[in-house]
Amino acid sequence: MESCEHLQNAVEPRPKPRTEGCEECLATGERWVELRLCLICGHVGCCDSSPGKHATAHFDQTHHEVMKSFEPGDTWGWCYVHERMLGPLSPAR
């Protein structure tokens, strides 16, 4: 895995998750597959394998470039701009 200059935009310390599940799915009653944490604002969204694809939708709306897996024990992240995996990053939980 790699690093990326967009990690400079990530908030330190890591932002606290705003919810324990996908914000949009919780509001609408949808289900998600896996979760992603925005490293800029703490938004929790569902992955692209989920029907809502809310993590990518969050990037499309906000242009917050970097996220990390919000799954227990995962240490990888993603840069939406360069479409590349990042890591290892500190665990999400």
C-alpha atoms as a PDB file:
ATOM      1  CA  MET A   1       0.000   0.000   0.000  1.00  0.00           C
ATOM      2  CA  GLU A   2       1.020   3.583  -0.499  1.00  0.00           C
ATOM      3  CA  SER A   3       0.843   7.048   0.965  1.00  0.00           C
ATOM      4  CA  CYS A   4      -0.603  10.129  -0.690  1.00  0.00           C
ATOM      5  CA  GLU A   5      -0.249  13.898  -0.381  1.00  0.00           C
ATOM      6  CA  HIS A   6      -4.008  14.094   0.248  1.00  0.00           C
ATOM      7  CA  LEU A   7      -3.433  12.552   3.676  1.00  0.00           C
ATOM      8  CA  GLN A   8      -2.109  16.010   4.607  1.00  0.00           C
ATOM      9  CA  ASN A   9      -5.745  17.150   4.543  1.00  0.00           C
ATOM     10  CA  ALA A  10      -6.795  14.528   7.099  1.00  0.00           C
ATOM     11  CA  VAL A  11      -7.623  15.918  10.519  1.00  0.00           C
ATOM     12  CA  GLU A  12      -5.247  15.007  13.363  1.00  0.00           C
ATOM     13  CA  PRO A  13      -6.113  13.460  15.631  1.00  0.00           C
ATOM     14  CA  ARG A  14      -8.422  11.408  13.443  1.00  0.00           C
ATOM     15  CA  PRO A  15     -11.970  12.821  13.449  1.00  0.00           C
ATOM     16  CA  LYS A  16     -14.456  11.080  15.677  1.00  0.00           C
ATOM     17  CA  PRO A  17     -17.095   9.174  13.732  1.00  0.00           C
ATOM     18  CA  ARG A  18     -20.362  11.077  13.667  1.00  0.00           C
ATOM     19  CA  THR A  19     -22.335   7.801  13.834  1.00  0.00           C
ATOM     20  CA  GLU A  20     -21.647   4.109  14.467  1.00  0.00           C
ATOM     21  CA  GLY A  21     -23.204   3.148  11.119  1.00  0.00           C
ATOM     22  CA  CYS A  22     -23.730   4.693   7.704  1.00  0.00           C
ATOM     23  CA  GLU A  23     -25.353   8.074   8.332  1.00  0.00           C
ATOM     24  CA  GLU A  24     -27.632   7.931   5.292  1.00  0.00           C
ATOM     25  CA  CYS A  25     -28.591   4.262   5.730  1.00  0.00           C
ATOM     26  CA  LEU A  26     -29.488   4.854   9.363  1.00  0.00           C
ATOM     27  CA  ALA A  27     -31.729   7.738   8.291  1.00  0.00           C
ATOM     28  CA  THR A  28     -33.493   5.766   5.543  1.00  0.00           C
ATOM     29  CA  GLY A  29     -33.485   2.242   6.975  1.00  0.00           C
ATOM     30  CA  GLU A  30     -31.210   0.876   4.241  1.00  0.00           C
ATOM     31  CA  ARG A  31     -28.608  -1.819   4.911  1.00  0.00           C
ATOM     32  CA  TRP A  32     -24.883  -1.594   4.321  1.00  0.00           C
ATOM     33  CA  VAL A  33     -22.095  -4.103   3.676  1.00  0.00           C
ATOM     34  CA  GLU A  34     -19.018  -2.338   5.132  1.00  0.00           C
ATOM     35  CA  LEU A  35     -18.332   1.134   6.471  1.00  0.00           C
ATOM     36  CA  ARG A  36     -15.855   3.885   5.602  1.00  0.00           C
ATOM     37  CA  LEU A  37     -14.760   6.856   7.753  1.00  0.00           C
ATOM     38  CA  CYS A  38     -14.030  10.219   6.137  1.00  0.00           C
ATOM     39  CA  LEU A  39     -10.675  11.421   7.477  1.00  0.00           C
ATOM     40  CA  ILE A  40     -11.634  15.049   6.905  1.00  0.00           C
ATOM     41  CA  CYS A  41     -14.944  15.348   8.783  1.00  0.00           C
ATOM     42  CA  GLY A  42     -15.805  12.012  10.446  1.00  0.00           C
ATOM     43  CA  HIS A  43     -18.717  11.121   8.142  1.00  0.00           C
ATOM     44  CA  VAL A  44     -19.440   7.381   8.194  1.00  0.00           C
ATOM     45  CA  GLY A  45     -20.683   6.021   4.884  1.00  0.00           C
ATOM     46  CA  CYS A  46     -21.208   2.623   3.329  1.00  0.00           C
ATOM     47  CA  CYS A  47     -18.857   1.038   0.786  1.00  0.00           C
ATOM     48  CA  ASP A  48     -19.457   0.662  -2.948  1.00  0.00           C
ATOM     49  CA  SER A  49     -20.621  -2.945  -2.406  1.00  0.00           C
ATOM     50  CA  SER A  50     -23.564  -1.498  -0.467  1.00  0.00           C
ATOM     51  CA  PRO A  51     -26.704  -0.408  -2.349  1.00  0.00           C
ATOM     52  CA  GLY A  52     -26.344   3.238  -1.291  1.00  0.00           C
ATOM     53  CA  LYS A  53     -22.591   3.682  -1.952  1.00  0.00           C
ATOM     54  CA  HIS A  54     -22.762   6.575   0.512  1.00  0.00           C
ATOM     55  CA  ALA A  55     -19.001   6.892   1.173  1.00  0.00           C
ATOM     56  CA  THR A  56     -18.352   7.612  -2.514  1.00  0.00           C
ATOM     57  CA  ALA A  57     -21.425   9.870  -2.644  1.00  0.00           C
ATOM     58  CA  HIS A  58     -19.926  11.810   0.287  1.00  0.00           C
ATOM     59  CA  PHE A  59     -16.717  12.327  -1.709  1.00  0.00           C
ATOM     60  CA  ASP A  60     -18.709  13.383  -4.797  1.00  0.00           C
ATOM     61  CA  GLN A  61     -20.571  16.005  -2.737  1.00  0.00           C
ATOM     62  CA  THR A  62     -17.758  17.288  -0.492  1.00  0.00           C
ATOM     63  CA  HIS A  63     -14.519  16.460  -2.351  1.00  0.00           C
ATOM     64  CA  HIS A  64     -13.084  15.093   0.922  1.00  0.00           C
ATOM     65  CA  GLU A  65     -10.303  13.069  -0.679  1.00  0.00           C
ATOM     66  CA  VAL A  66      -9.341  10.423   1.870  1.00  0.00           C
ATOM     67  CA  MET A  67     -11.167   7.822   3.906  1.00  0.00           C
ATOM     68  CA  LYS A  68     -10.294   4.685   5.801  1.00  0.00           C
ATOM     69  CA  SER A  69     -12.062   1.477   6.486  1.00  0.00           C
ATOM     70  CA  PHE A  70     -14.298   1.713   9.546  1.00  0.00           C
ATOM     71  CA  GLU A  71     -14.243  -2.046  10.001  1.00  0.00           C
ATOM     72  CA  PRO A  72     -12.656  -3.353  13.231  1.00  0.00           C
ATOM     73  CA  GLY A  73      -8.944  -4.087  12.806  1.00  0.00           C
ATOM     74  CA  ASP A  74      -8.672  -2.723   9.250  1.00  0.00           C
ATOM     75  CA  THR A  75      -5.721  -0.394   8.653  1.00  0.00           C
ATOM     76  CA  TRP A  76      -6.161   0.558   4.992  1.00  0.00           C
ATOM     77  CA  GLY A  77      -7.493   3.756   3.507  1.00  0.00           C
ATOM     78  CA  TRP A  78      -8.394   5.095   0.074  1.00  0.00           C
ATOM     79  CA  CYS A  79      -7.619   8.254  -1.890  1.00  0.00           C
ATOM     80  CA  TYR A  80     -10.558   9.019  -4.162  1.00  0.00           C
ATOM     81  CA  VAL A  81      -8.505  11.436  -6.274  1.00  0.00           C
ATOM     82  CA  HIS A  82      -5.710   8.976  -7.130  1.00  0.00           C
ATOM     83  CA  GLU A  83      -7.923   5.881  -6.781  1.00  0.00           C
ATOM     84  CA  ARG A  84      -5.313   4.078  -4.708  1.00  0.00           C
ATOM     85  CA  MET A  85      -5.139   2.212  -1.437  1.00  0.00           C
ATOM     86  CA  LEU A  86      -3.385   3.898   1.472  1.00  0.00           C
ATOM     87  CA  GLY A  87      -1.837   2.454   4.543  1.00  0.00           C
ATOM     88  CA  PRO A  88      -1.256   1.129   6.881  1.00  0.00           C
ATOM     89  CA  LEU A  89      -3.196   3.721   8.882  1.00  0.00           C
ATOM     90  CA  SER A  90      -4.127   3.565  12.547  1.00  0.00           C
ATOM     91  CA  PRO A  91      -7.063   1.182  13.129  1.00  0.00           C
ATOM     92  CA  ALA A  92     -10.526   2.710  12.843  1.00  0.00           C
ATOM     93  CA  ARG A  93     -11.745   1.476  16.203  1.00  0.00           C
END
